[in-house]
PDB file of N, CA and C in Angstrom:
ATOM      1  N   MET A   1      -5.057 -23.046   4.723  1.00  0.00           N
ATOM      2  CA  MET A   1      -5.994 -23.498   5.731  1.00  0.00           C
ATOM      3  C   MET A   1      -7.318 -23.828   5.064  1.00  0.00           C
ATOM      4  N   ILE A   2      -7.979 -24.822   5.613  1.00  0.00           N
ATOM      5  CA  ILE A   2      -9.274 -25.230   5.074  1.00  0.00           C
ATOM      6  C   ILE A   2     -10.286 -25.165   6.205  1.00  0.00           C
ATOM      7  N   GLU A   3     -11.447 -24.628   5.944  1.00  0.00           N
ATOM      8  CA  GLU A   3     -12.478 -24.574   6.964  1.00  0.00           C
ATOM      9  C   GLU A   3     -13.855 -24.697   6.321  1.00  0.00           C
ATOM     10  N   ARG A   4     -14.825 -25.084   7.138  1.00  0.00           N
ATOM     11  CA  ARG A   4     -16.206 -25.126   6.672  1.00  0.00           C
ATOM     12  C   ARG A   4     -16.834 -23.757   6.882  1.00  0.00           C
ATOM     13  N   GLN A   5     -17.642 -23.306   5.974  1.00  0.00           N
ATOM     14  CA  GLN A   5     -18.257 -21.978   6.056  1.00  0.00           C
ATOM     15  C   GLN A   5     -19.556 -22.011   6.869  1.00  0.00           C
ATOM     16  N   ASN A   6     -19.987 -20.826   7.337  1.00  0.00           N
ATOM     17  CA  ASN A   6     -21.272 -20.622   8.008  1.00  0.00           C
ATOM     18  C   ASN A   6     -21.441 -21.447   9.285  1.00  0.00           C
ATOM     19  N   GLY A   7     -20.884 -20.975  10.359  1.00  0.00           N
ATOM     20  CA  GLY A   7     -21.032 -21.674  11.627  1.00  0.00           C
ATOM     21  C   GLY A   7     -20.978 -20.717  12.794  1.00  0.00           C
ATOM     22  N   THR A   8     -21.081 -21.251  13.995  1.00  0.00           N
ATOM     23  CA  THR A   8     -21.050 -20.451  15.207  1.00  0.00           C
ATOM     24  C   THR A   8     -19.622 -20.258  15.680  1.00  0.00           C
ATOM     25  N   GLU A   9     -19.426 -19.310  16.573  1.00  0.00           N
ATOM     26  CA  GLU A   9     -18.098 -19.005  17.127  1.00  0.00           C
ATOM     27  C   GLU A   9     -17.452 -20.230  17.764  1.00  0.00           C
ATOM     28  N   GLY A  10     -18.246 -21.076  18.422  1.00  0.00           N
ATOM     29  CA  GLY A  10     -17.702 -22.238  19.114  1.00  0.00           C
ATOM     30  C   GLY A  10     -17.559 -23.474  18.249  1.00  0.00           C
ATOM     31  N   GLU A  11     -17.979 -23.384  16.995  1.00  0.00           N
ATOM     32  CA  GLU A  11     -17.877 -24.527  16.099  1.00  0.00           C
ATOM     33  C   GLU A  11     -16.414 -24.918  15.911  1.00  0.00           C
ATOM     34  N   VAL A  12     -16.132 -26.205  15.957  1.00  0.00           N
ATOM     35  CA  VAL A  12     -14.776 -26.703  15.757  1.00  0.00           C
ATOM     36  C   VAL A  12     -14.446 -26.665  14.274  1.00  0.00           C
ATOM     37  N   VAL A  13     -13.256 -26.153  13.956  1.00  0.00           N
ATOM     38  CA  VAL A  13     -12.765 -26.141  12.589  1.00  0.00           C
ATOM     39  C   VAL A  13     -11.393 -26.805  12.557  1.00  0.00           C
ATOM     40  N   ILE A  14     -11.098 -27.420  11.434  1.00  0.00           N
ATOM     41  CA  ILE A  14      -9.817 -28.080  11.221  1.00  0.00           C
ATOM     42  C   ILE A  14      -9.047 -27.277  10.184  1.00  0.00           C
ATOM     43  N   CYS A  15      -7.839 -26.889  10.520  1.00  0.00           N
ATOM     44  CA  CYS A  15      -6.981 -26.130   9.623  1.00  0.00           C
ATOM     45  C   CYS A  15      -5.786 -26.995   9.256  1.00  0.00           C
ATOM     46  N   LEU A  16      -5.351 -26.897   8.015  1.00  0.00           N
ATOM     47  CA  LEU A  16      -4.182 -27.622   7.546  1.00  0.00           C
ATOM     48  C   LEU A  16      -3.121 -26.620   7.115  1.00  0.00           C
ATOM     49  N   THR A  17      -1.893 -26.853   7.530  1.00  0.00           N
ATOM     50  CA  THR A  17      -0.770 -26.042   7.075  1.00  0.00           C
ATOM     51  C   THR A  17       0.473 -26.921   7.099  1.00  0.00           C
ATOM     52  N   THR A  18       1.514 -26.483   6.428  1.00  0.00           N
ATOM     53  CA  THR A  18       2.760 -27.238   6.434  1.00  0.00           C
ATOM     54  C   THR A  18       3.893 -26.380   6.968  1.00  0.00           C
ATOM     55  N   PHE A  19       4.929 -27.077   7.448  1.00  0.00           N
ATOM     56  CA  PHE A  19       6.137 -26.433   7.940  1.00  0.00           C
ATOM     57  C   PHE A  19       7.343 -27.099   7.299  1.00  0.00           C
ATOM     58  N   PRO A  20       8.455 -26.386   7.203  1.00  0.00           N
ATOM     59  CA  PRO A  20       9.623 -26.960   6.543  1.00  0.00           C
ATOM     60  C   PRO A  20      10.306 -28.074   7.333  1.00  0.00           C
ATOM     61  N   ASP A  21      10.110 -28.093   8.656  1.00  0.00           N
ATOM     62  CA  ASP A  21      10.752 -29.132   9.465  1.00  0.00           C
ATOM     63  C   ASP A  21       9.976 -29.347  10.765  1.00  0.00           C
ATOM     64  N   ALA A  22      10.266 -30.461  11.424  1.00  0.00           N
ATOM     65  CA  ALA A  22       9.539 -30.847  12.641  1.00  0.00           C
ATOM     66  C   ALA A  22       9.797 -29.880  13.794  1.00  0.00           C
ATOM     67  N   GLU A  23      11.003 -29.366  13.891  1.00  0.00           N
ATOM     68  CA  GLU A  23      11.330 -28.452  14.987  1.00  0.00           C
ATOM     69  C   GLU A  23      10.463 -27.198  14.940  1.00  0.00           C
ATOM     70  N   LYS A  24      10.346 -26.588  13.758  1.00  0.00           N
ATOM     71  CA  LYS A  24       9.535 -25.372  13.615  1.00  0.00           C
ATOM     72  C   LYS A  24       8.057 -25.694  13.815  1.00  0.00           C
ATOM     73  N   ALA A  25       7.596 -26.824  13.299  1.00  0.00           N
ATOM     74  CA  ALA A  25       6.198 -27.231  13.465  1.00  0.00           C
ATOM     75  C   ALA A  25       5.876 -27.447  14.945  1.00  0.00           C
ATOM     76  N   ARG A  26       6.774 -28.103  15.656  1.00  0.00           N
ATOM     77  CA  ARG A  26       6.578 -28.364  17.086  1.00  0.00           C
ATOM     78  C   ARG A  26       6.581 -27.066  17.881  1.00  0.00           C
ATOM     79  N   GLN A  27       7.500 -26.168  17.554  1.00  0.00           N
ATOM     80  CA  GLN A  27       7.604 -24.882  18.250  1.00  0.00           C
ATOM     81  C   GLN A  27       6.313 -24.070  18.101  1.00  0.00           C
ATOM     82  N   ILE A  28       5.842 -23.919  16.876  1.00  0.00           N
ATOM     83  CA  ILE A  28       4.646 -23.114  16.636  1.00  0.00           C
ATOM     84  C   ILE A  28       3.401 -23.824  17.140  1.00  0.00           C
ATOM     85  N   GLY A  29       3.299 -25.134  16.932  1.00  0.00           N
ATOM     86  CA  GLY A  29       2.155 -25.894  17.431  1.00  0.00           C
ATOM     87  C   GLY A  29       2.033 -25.807  18.946  1.00  0.00           C
ATOM     88  N   THR A  30       3.162 -25.919  19.631  1.00  0.00           N
ATOM     89  CA  THR A  30       3.161 -25.804  21.099  1.00  0.00           C
ATOM     90  C   THR A  30       2.706 -24.421  21.530  1.00  0.00           C
ATOM     91  N   ALA A  31       3.182 -23.386  20.849  1.00  0.00           N
ATOM     92  CA  ALA A  31       2.779 -22.008  21.180  1.00  0.00           C
ATOM     93  C   ALA A  31       1.276 -21.832  21.006  1.00  0.00           C
ATOM     94  N   TRP A  32       0.707 -22.419  19.931  1.00  0.00           N
ATOM     95  CA  TRP A  32      -0.730 -22.301  19.714  1.00  0.00           C
ATOM     96  C   TRP A  32      -1.535 -22.994  20.807  1.00  0.00           C
ATOM     97  N   VAL A  33      -1.113 -24.172  21.213  1.00  0.00           N
ATOM     98  CA  VAL A  33      -1.841 -24.890  22.264  1.00  0.00           C
ATOM     99  C   VAL A  33      -1.704 -24.148  23.593  1.00  0.00           C
ATOM    100  N   GLU A  34      -0.492 -23.698  23.927  1.00  0.00           N
ATOM    101  CA  GLU A  34      -0.279 -22.985  25.196  1.00  0.00           C
ATOM    102  C   GLU A  34      -1.062 -21.680  25.257  1.00  0.00           C
ATOM    103  N   SER A  35      -1.219 -20.999  24.136  1.00  0.00           N
ATOM    104  CA  SER A  35      -1.972 -19.736  24.117  1.00  0.00           C
ATOM    105  C   SER A  35      -3.463 -19.960  23.863  1.00  0.00           C
ATOM    106  N   GLN A  36      -3.868 -21.206  23.741  1.00  0.00           N
ATOM    107  CA  GLN A  36      -5.257 -21.622  23.519  1.00  0.00           C
ATOM    108  C   GLN A  36      -5.828 -21.144  22.188  1.00  0.00           C
ATOM    109  N   LEU A  37      -4.949 -20.900  21.210  1.00  0.00           N
ATOM    110  CA  LEU A  37      -5.426 -20.644  19.857  1.00  0.00           C
ATOM    111  C   LEU A  37      -5.849 -21.950  19.200  1.00  0.00           C
ATOM    112  N   ALA A  38      -5.280 -23.064  19.687  1.00  0.00           N
ATOM    113  CA  ALA A  38      -5.634 -24.393  19.187  1.00  0.00           C
ATOM    114  C   ALA A  38      -5.844 -25.321  20.365  1.00  0.00           C
ATOM    115  N   ALA A  39      -6.806 -26.224  20.224  1.00  0.00           N
ATOM    116  CA  ALA A  39      -7.029 -27.237  21.249  1.00  0.00           C
ATOM    117  C   ALA A  39      -6.051 -28.390  21.071  1.00  0.00           C
ATOM    118  N   CYS A  40      -5.647 -28.633  19.822  1.00  0.00           N
ATOM    119  CA  CYS A  40      -4.767 -29.747  19.495  1.00  0.00           C
ATOM    120  C   CYS A  40      -4.071 -29.460  18.175  1.00  0.00           C
ATOM    121  N   VAL A  41      -2.808 -29.843  18.087  1.00  0.00           N
ATOM    122  CA  VAL A  41      -2.063 -29.758  16.832  1.00  0.00           C
ATOM    123  C   VAL A  41      -1.414 -31.120  16.614  1.00  0.00           C
ATOM    124  N   GLN A  42      -1.764 -31.755  15.525  1.00  0.00           N
ATOM    125  CA  GLN A  42      -1.173 -33.046  15.179  1.00  0.00           C
ATOM    126  C   GLN A  42      -0.155 -32.824  14.074  1.00  0.00           C
ATOM    127  N   LEU A  43       1.041 -33.406  14.246  1.00  0.00           N
ATOM    128  CA  LEU A  43       2.118 -33.239  13.279  1.00  0.00           C
ATOM    129  C   LEU A  43       2.351 -34.538  12.529  1.00  0.00           C
ATOM    130  N   VAL A  44       2.350 -34.446  11.218  1.00  0.00           N
ATOM    131  CA  VAL A  44       2.543 -35.609  10.353  1.00  0.00           C
ATOM    132  C   VAL A  44       3.817 -35.366   9.540  1.00  0.00           C
ATOM    133  N   PRO A  45       4.937 -35.982   9.933  1.00  0.00           N
ATOM    134  CA  PRO A  45       6.184 -35.759   9.195  1.00  0.00           C
ATOM    135  C   PRO A  45       6.216 -36.530   7.882  1.00  0.00           C
ATOM    136  N   GLY A  46       7.146 -36.148   7.026  1.00  0.00           N
ATOM    137  CA  GLY A  46       7.385 -36.900   5.803  1.00  0.00           C
ATOM    138  C   GLY A  46       6.382 -36.673   4.692  1.00  0.00           C
ATOM    139  N   VAL A  47       5.726 -35.521   4.678  1.00  0.00           N
ATOM    140  CA  VAL A  47       4.786 -35.197   3.608  1.00  0.00           C
ATOM    141  C   VAL A  47       5.585 -34.582   2.461  1.00  0.00           C
ATOM    142  N   GLU A  48       5.357 -35.060   1.259  1.00  0.00           N
ATOM    143  CA  GLU A  48       6.009 -34.449   0.101  1.00  0.00           C
ATOM    144  C   GLU A  48       5.022 -33.488  -0.549  1.00  0.00           C
ATOM    145  N   SER A  49       5.456 -32.256  -0.717  1.00  0.00           N
ATOM    146  CA  SER A  49       4.618 -31.233  -1.340  1.00  0.00           C
ATOM    147  C   SER A  49       5.151 -30.894  -2.715  1.00  0.00           C
ATOM    148  N   ILE A  50       4.261 -30.785  -3.681  1.00  0.00           N
ATOM    149  CA  ILE A  50       4.596 -30.362  -5.036  1.00  0.00           C
ATOM    150  C   ILE A  50       3.807 -29.081  -5.283  1.00  0.00           C
ATOM    151  N   TYR A  51       4.510 -28.019  -5.679  1.00  0.00           N
ATOM    152  CA  TYR A  51       3.869 -26.715  -5.766  1.00  0.00           C
ATOM    153  C   TYR A  51       4.592 -25.835  -6.777  1.00  0.00           C
ATOM    154  N   ARG A  52       3.944 -24.727  -7.146  1.00  0.00           N
ATOM    155  CA  ARG A  52       4.565 -23.741  -8.028  1.00  0.00           C
ATOM    156  C   ARG A  52       5.167 -22.643  -7.163  1.00  0.00           C
ATOM    157  N   TRP A  53       6.402 -22.253  -7.475  1.00  0.00           N
ATOM    158  CA  TRP A  53       7.061 -21.172  -6.753  1.00  0.00           C
ATOM    159  C   TRP A  53       7.932 -20.413  -7.743  1.00  0.00           C
ATOM    160  N   GLU A  54       7.677 -19.121  -7.858  1.00  0.00           N
ATOM    161  CA  GLU A  54       8.430 -18.245  -8.740  1.00  0.00           C
ATOM    162  C   GLU A  54       8.525 -18.807 -10.158  1.00  0.00           C
ATOM    163  N   GLY A  55       7.377 -19.290 -10.667  1.00  0.00           N
ATOM    164  CA  GLY A  55       7.274 -19.737 -12.038  1.00  0.00           C
ATOM    165  C   GLY A  55       7.779 -21.141 -12.321  1.00  0.00           C
ATOM    166  N   LYS A  56       8.244 -21.860 -11.298  1.00  0.00           N
ATOM    167  CA  LYS A  56       8.754 -23.211 -11.496  1.00  0.00           C
ATOM    168  C   LYS A  56       8.008 -24.202 -10.598  1.00  0.00           C
ATOM    169  N   THR A  57       7.935 -25.452 -11.053  1.00  0.00           N
ATOM    170  CA  THR A  57       7.371 -26.512 -10.230  1.00  0.00           C
ATOM    171  C   THR A  57       8.454 -26.994  -9.275  1.00  0.00           C
ATOM    172  N   GLU A  58       8.136 -27.004  -7.985  1.00  0.00           N
ATOM    173  CA  GLU A  58       9.074 -27.397  -6.936  1.00  0.00           C
ATOM    174  C   GLU A  58       8.521 -28.592  -6.175  1.00  0.00           C
ATOM    175  N   SER A  59       9.385 -29.255  -5.429  1.00  0.00           N
ATOM    176  CA  SER A  59       9.000 -30.375  -4.572  1.00  0.00           C
ATOM    177  C   SER A  59       9.853 -30.316  -3.320  1.00  0.00           C
ATOM    178  N   SER A  60       9.232 -30.546  -2.162  1.00  0.00           N
ATOM    179  CA  SER A  60      10.011 -30.548  -0.921  1.00  0.00           C
ATOM    180  C   SER A  60       9.331 -31.427   0.120  1.00  0.00           C
ATOM    181  N   SER A  61      10.135 -31.902   1.050  1.00  0.00           N
ATOM    182  CA  SER A  61       9.634 -32.671   2.182  1.00  0.00           C
ATOM    183  C   SER A  61       9.215 -31.689   3.273  1.00  0.00           C
ATOM    184  N   GLU A  62       8.026 -31.860   3.807  1.00  0.00           N
ATOM    185  CA  GLU A  62       7.516 -30.943   4.824  1.00  0.00           C
ATOM    186  C   GLU A  62       6.829 -31.727   5.938  1.00  0.00           C
ATOM    187  N   VAL A  63       6.419 -31.007   6.973  1.00  0.00           N
ATOM    188  CA  VAL A  63       5.633 -31.563   8.069  1.00  0.00           C
ATOM    189  C   VAL A  63       4.237 -30.958   7.978  1.00  0.00           C
ATOM    190  N   LEU A  64       3.228 -31.812   7.908  1.00  0.00           N
ATOM    191  CA  LEU A  64       1.839 -31.360   7.869  1.00  0.00           C
ATOM    192  C   LEU A  64       1.341 -31.148   9.296  1.00  0.00           C
ATOM    193  N   ALA A  65       0.735 -30.005   9.549  1.00  0.00           N
ATOM    194  CA  ALA A  65       0.107 -29.730  10.844  1.00  0.00           C
ATOM    195  C   ALA A  65      -1.404 -29.721  10.661  1.00  0.00           C
ATOM    196  N   ILE A  66      -2.084 -30.542  11.451  1.00  0.00           N
ATOM    197  CA  ILE A  66      -3.546 -30.570  11.496  1.00  0.00           C
ATOM    198  C   ILE A  66      -3.927 -29.844  12.776  1.00  0.00           C
ATOM    199  N   VAL A  67      -4.562 -28.705  12.636  1.00  0.00           N
ATOM    200  CA  VAL A  67      -4.820 -27.812  13.767  1.00  0.00           C
ATOM    201  C   VAL A  67      -6.314 -27.783  14.062  1.00  0.00           C
ATOM    202  N   LYS A  68      -6.673 -28.088  15.308  1.00  0.00           N
ATOM    203  CA  LYS A  68      -8.074 -28.065  15.729  1.00  0.00           C
ATOM    204  C   LYS A  68      -8.289 -26.822  16.583  1.00  0.00           C
ATOM    205  N   THR A  69      -9.228 -25.990  16.132  1.00  0.00           N
ATOM    206  CA  THR A  69      -9.528 -24.747  16.830  1.00  0.00           C
ATOM    207  C   THR A  69     -11.024 -24.483  16.731  1.00  0.00           C
ATOM    208  N   THR A  70     -11.445 -23.303  17.139  1.00  0.00           N
ATOM    209  CA  THR A  70     -12.856 -22.919  16.987  1.00  0.00           C
ATOM    210  C   THR A  70     -12.956 -21.794  15.972  1.00  0.00           C
ATOM    211  N   ARG A  71     -14.126 -21.645  15.404  1.00  0.00           N
ATOM    212  CA  ARG A  71     -14.351 -20.581  14.429  1.00  0.00           C
ATOM    213  C   ARG A  71     -14.019 -19.220  15.047  1.00  0.00           C
ATOM    214  N   GLY A  72     -14.327 -19.018  16.310  1.00  0.00           N
ATOM    215  CA  GLY A  72     -14.059 -17.750  16.966  1.00  0.00           C
ATOM    216  C   GLY A  72     -12.576 -17.425  17.094  1.00  0.00           C
ATOM    217  N   ARG A  73     -11.724 -18.459  17.217  1.00  0.00           N
ATOM    218  CA  ARG A  73     -10.279 -18.243  17.362  1.00  0.00           C
ATOM    219  C   ARG A  73      -9.543 -18.255  16.025  1.00  0.00           C
ATOM    220  N   LEU A  74     -10.241 -18.601  14.952  1.00  0.00           N
ATOM    221  CA  LEU A  74      -9.606 -18.747  13.651  1.00  0.00           C
ATOM    222  C   LEU A  74      -8.891 -17.477  13.167  1.00  0.00           C
ATOM    223  N   PRO A  75      -9.492 -16.291  13.280  1.00  0.00           N
ATOM    224  CA  PRO A  75      -8.771 -15.093  12.823  1.00  0.00           C
ATOM    225  C   PRO A  75      -7.448 -14.886  13.567  1.00  0.00           C
ATOM    226  N   GLU A  76      -7.428 -15.146  14.871  1.00  0.00           N
ATOM    227  CA  GLU A  76      -6.190 -15.009  15.645  1.00  0.00           C
ATOM    228  C   GLU A  76      -5.160 -16.059  15.224  1.00  0.00           C
ATOM    229  N   LEU A  77      -5.628 -17.268  14.971  1.00  0.00           N
ATOM    230  CA  LEU A  77      -4.738 -18.345  14.536  1.00  0.00           C
ATOM    231  C   LEU A  77      -4.113 -17.987  13.180  1.00  0.00           C
ATOM    232  N   GLU A  78      -4.926 -17.497  12.253  1.00  0.00           N
ATOM    233  CA  GLU A  78      -4.411 -17.107  10.937  1.00  0.00           C
ATOM    234  C   GLU A  78      -3.382 -15.988  11.056  1.00  0.00           C
ATOM    235  N   ALA A  79      -3.643 -15.003  11.910  1.00  0.00           N
ATOM    236  CA  ALA A  79      -2.693 -13.906  12.112  1.00  0.00           C
ATOM    237  C   ALA A  79      -1.392 -14.432  12.714  1.00  0.00           C
ATOM    238  N   SER A  80      -1.499 -15.345  13.647  1.00  0.00           N
ATOM    239  CA  SER A  80      -0.317 -15.940  14.260  1.00  0.00           C
ATOM    240  C   SER A  80       0.487 -16.729  13.240  1.00  0.00           C
ATOM    241  N   LEU A  81      -0.202 -17.464  12.364  1.00  0.00           N
ATOM    242  CA  LEU A  81       0.481 -18.235  11.325  1.00  0.00           C
ATOM    243  C   LEU A  81       1.273 -17.294  10.414  1.00  0.00           C
ATOM    244  N   GLN A  82       0.665 -16.188  10.015  1.00  0.00           N
ATOM    245  CA  GLN A  82       1.364 -15.227   9.151  1.00  0.00           C
ATOM    246  C   GLN A  82       2.574 -14.623   9.844  1.00  0.00           C
ATOM    247  N   GLU A  83       2.465 -14.425  11.150  1.00  0.00           N
ATOM    248  CA  GLU A  83       3.560 -13.824  11.919  1.00  0.00           C
ATOM    249  C   GLU A  83       4.700 -14.813  12.181  1.00  0.00           C
ATOM    250  N   LEU A  84       4.368 -16.069  12.524  1.00  0.00           N
ATOM    251  CA  LEU A  84       5.369 -17.026  12.987  1.00  0.00           C
ATOM    252  C   LEU A  84       5.923 -17.959  11.913  1.00  0.00           C
ATOM    253  N   HIS A  85       5.172 -18.179  10.844  1.00  0.00           N
ATOM    254  CA  HIS A  85       5.598 -19.157   9.836  1.00  0.00           C
ATOM    255  C   HIS A  85       6.820 -18.652   9.073  1.00  0.00           C
ATOM    256  N   PRO A  86       7.812 -19.540   8.917  1.00  0.00           N
ATOM    257  CA  PRO A  86       9.024 -19.098   8.201  1.00  0.00           C
ATOM    258  C   PRO A  86       8.766 -18.917   6.717  1.00  0.00           C
TER     259      PRO A  86
END
């Protein structure tokens, strides 16, 4: 997740995360909007990610989620991401 530092509780922040597939991204994004942890979740399919995992360079196709929330809801959103993300 990426956010700007030093702001008010109501300040809008944009968080970025990826999911392994559109179904999981849609499921979690919908849950965030319905629970008002996010005002909007935009899903961008077909993102290729290159990363290190267990000492090797890996590559996979993922779905990018652009999540719009407020600074005040960010801790809850992060906790939810840790709980729900596969």
